Amino acid sequence: MQMDVRKLIDFLNYVVVAYNEALENVGLDSQLVNAQMARAFKEKAAHIIKDDFSLNIEGNDVQSIVKSFIERIKATGICQRTELVNISDSNLTIRMGDSILNQADKILLRDKPTGYIPPSPIISMLSAFLEEGAKKSCSIEKYEFIPEENSSQFTIKLEQ
């Protein structure tokens, strides 16, 4: 029996929600979860990201890495629309629309206080590339879900 793509994406979203809720229930905050996911992507899943998903990110500075990442996640279908809103050596704002994980973001936001920042596997992947290539660590300062665009916007602080 083969699962269709829509059911697979739904399943992936529910797994992401369940893992994130479980991690929060044991007291881990989203910043720690994002940092640890970035580390895991960099150390244990790099070959999967680069080979299976063709996320061969190029560059050794913030701007080139982010632009390469945006091109690749669009090409692979991870996010249909991605826009770089703002970028500098210390800050980055990125808007991702029609992501395969937008459903998880919507579910994670239910019953959460204003200002809640959900853990994001996609931002964690970007963080792994920025840590490795530009030697920058990332922390999400602000998250906004934009329902009319089916988009998630992340404002990220970059530090040495």
Protein backbone atom coordinates (compact mmCIF):
# COMPACT_ATOMS: atom_id res chain seq x y z
CA MET A 1 0.00 0.00 0.00
CA GLN A 2 1.40 3.37 -1.00
CA MET A 3 0.54 6.59 0.83
CA ASP A 4 -0.36 9.55 -1.35
CA VAL A 5 1.65 12.76 -1.03
CA ARG A 6 -1.10 14.74 0.72
CA LYS A 7 -1.53 12.08 3.40
CA LEU A 8 2.23 11.90 3.84
CA ILE A 9 2.45 15.68 4.34
CA ASP A 10 -0.46 15.58 6.81
CA PHE A 11 1.27 12.77 8.71
CA LEU A 12 4.54 14.73 8.77
CA ASN A 13 2.74 17.79 10.17
CA TYR A 14 1.13 15.77 12.96
CA VAL A 15 4.49 14.19 13.83
CA VAL A 16 6.09 17.66 14.02
CA VAL A 17 3.27 18.89 16.26
CA ALA A 18 3.46 15.82 18.54
CA TYR A 19 7.24 16.06 18.94
CA ASN A 20 7.15 19.79 19.62
CA GLU A 21 4.32 19.48 22.15
CA ALA A 22 6.17 16.63 23.88
CA LEU A 23 9.38 18.66 24.08
CA GLU A 24 7.52 21.66 25.50
CA ASN A 25 5.73 19.42 28.00
CA VAL A 26 9.08 18.35 29.44
CA GLY A 27 10.12 21.99 29.78
CA LEU A 28 12.17 22.73 26.67
CA ASP A 29 11.54 26.08 25.00
CA SER A 30 11.40 26.59 21.24
CA GLN A 31 14.78 28.34 21.05
CA LEU A 32 16.50 25.33 22.59
CA VAL A 33 14.55 22.96 20.34
CA ASN A 34 15.51 24.99 17.24
CA ALA A 35 19.17 25.08 18.27
CA GLN A 36 19.26 21.34 18.89
CA MET A 37 17.47 20.59 15.62
CA ALA A 38 20.06 22.73 13.79
CA ARG A 39 22.83 20.76 15.48
CA ALA A 40 21.19 17.45 14.55
CA PHE A 41 20.71 18.52 10.94
CA LYS A 42 24.36 19.58 10.77
CA GLU A 43 25.86 16.57 12.54
CA LYS A 44 23.55 13.63 11.86
CA ALA A 45 21.31 14.42 8.90
CA ALA A 46 23.57 16.46 6.61
CA HIS A 47 23.83 13.68 4.04
CA ILE A 48 20.03 13.31 3.90
CA ILE A 49 19.53 17.04 3.45
CA LYS A 50 22.22 17.38 0.79
CA ASP A 51 21.71 14.10 -1.08
CA ASP A 52 18.06 13.12 -0.76
CA PHE A 53 16.59 16.63 -0.79
CA SER A 54 19.24 18.19 -3.05
CA LEU A 55 19.77 21.03 -0.60
CA ASN A 56 23.31 21.77 -1.75
CA ILE A 57 23.60 25.22 -0.26
CA GLU A 58 26.38 27.41 -1.59
CA GLY A 59 28.18 30.36 -0.06
CA ASN A 60 30.19 31.32 2.98
CA ASP A 61 28.45 34.53 4.01
CA VAL A 62 24.95 35.20 5.34
CA GLN A 63 23.55 36.71 2.14
CA SER A 64 24.74 34.01 -0.27
CA ILE A 65 23.77 31.13 2.05
CA VAL A 66 20.26 32.51 2.63
CA LYS A 67 19.68 33.19 -1.08
CA SER A 68 20.92 29.71 -2.01
CA PHE A 69 18.72 28.16 0.70
CA ILE A 70 15.64 30.02 -0.57
CA GLU A 71 16.28 28.88 -4.14
CA ARG A 72 16.69 25.26 -3.07
CA ILE A 73 13.64 25.02 -0.77
CA LYS A 74 11.51 26.48 -3.56
CA ALA A 75 12.96 24.05 -6.12
CA THR A 76 12.39 21.02 -3.88
CA GLY A 77 8.82 22.06 -3.01
CA ILE A 78 9.49 22.41 0.73
CA CYS A 79 8.13 25.97 0.42
CA GLN A 80 6.29 27.16 -2.65
CA ARG A 81 6.87 30.82 -1.90
CA THR A 82 9.77 32.23 0.06
CA GLU A 83 10.70 35.87 0.35
CA LEU A 84 13.70 37.49 1.94
CA VAL A 85 12.14 40.49 3.69
CA ASN A 86 15.29 41.89 5.33
CA ILE A 87 18.90 40.79 5.70
CA SER A 88 22.06 42.04 7.37
CA ASP A 89 25.01 40.43 9.14
CA SER A 90 23.10 40.51 12.43
CA ASN A 91 19.42 40.08 11.46
CA LEU A 92 17.31 38.23 8.96
CA THR A 93 13.59 38.27 8.23
CA ILE A 94 12.25 35.55 5.98
CA ARG A 95 8.66 34.80 4.93
CA MET A 96 7.81 31.27 3.85
CA GLY A 97 4.49 30.59 2.17
CA ASP A 98 2.76 27.35 1.32
CA SER A 99 5.34 25.38 3.26
CA ILE A 100 4.84 21.67 3.73
CA LEU A 101 4.82 22.46 7.49
CA ASN A 102 2.33 25.36 7.53
CA GLN A 103 -0.34 23.04 8.90
CA ALA A 104 1.91 22.20 11.87
CA ASP A 105 2.50 25.90 12.54
CA LYS A 106 -1.26 26.55 12.59
CA ILE A 107 -1.86 23.68 15.01
CA LEU A 108 1.05 24.66 17.27
CA LEU A 109 -0.31 28.23 17.53
CA ARG A 110 -3.69 27.10 18.92
CA ASP A 111 -4.16 28.25 22.51
CA LYS A 112 -0.70 29.83 22.65
CA PRO A 113 -0.06 33.33 23.99
CA THR A 114 0.70 36.26 21.71
CA GLY A 115 4.37 36.27 20.84
CA TYR A 116 4.70 32.48 20.93
CA ILE A 117 7.50 31.20 18.66
CA PRO A 118 6.98 27.66 17.40
CA PRO A 119 9.99 25.44 16.75
CA SER A 120 10.68 25.27 13.01
CA PRO A 121 12.54 22.42 11.31
CA ILE A 122 12.98 24.52 8.16
CA ILE A 123 14.54 27.44 10.06
CA SER A 124 16.67 24.91 11.94
CA MET A 125 17.99 23.61 8.60
CA LEU A 126 18.81 27.18 7.55
CA SER A 127 20.49 27.70 10.93
CA ALA A 128 22.67 24.64 10.38
CA PHE A 129 23.87 26.02 7.04
CA LEU A 130 24.51 29.48 8.52
CA GLU A 131 26.45 28.01 11.46
CA GLU A 132 28.58 25.89 9.18
CA GLY A 133 29.13 28.34 6.32
CA ALA A 134 29.02 31.81 7.89
CA LYS A 135 29.88 30.85 11.49
CA LYS A 136 26.65 32.51 12.73
CA SER A 137 24.30 31.11 15.35
CA CYS A 138 20.60 31.84 14.96
CA SER A 139 17.80 32.58 17.38
CA ILE A 140 14.26 33.41 16.33
CA GLU A 141 13.29 36.76 17.82
CA LYS A 142 9.78 36.99 16.37
CA TYR A 143 7.31 34.74 14.61
CA GLU A 144 4.15 35.74 12.79
CA PHE A 145 1.67 33.54 10.93
CA ILE A 146 -0.05 35.44 8.11
CA PRO A 147 -3.26 33.49 7.39
CA GLU A 148 -4.33 35.38 4.25
CA GLU A 149 -0.99 34.43 2.65
CA ASN A 150 -0.66 30.99 4.30
CA SER A 151 2.79 32.21 5.31
CA SER A 152 5.07 32.12 8.32
CA GLN A 153 7.42 35.04 8.89
CA PHE A 154 10.50 34.64 11.06
CA THR A 155 12.76 37.40 12.33
CA ILE A 156 16.09 35.85 13.22
CA LYS A 157 19.01 37.26 15.21
CA LEU A 158 22.45 36.22 13.92
CA GLU A 159 25.46 36.13 16.24
CA GLN A 160 29.08 35.02 16.03
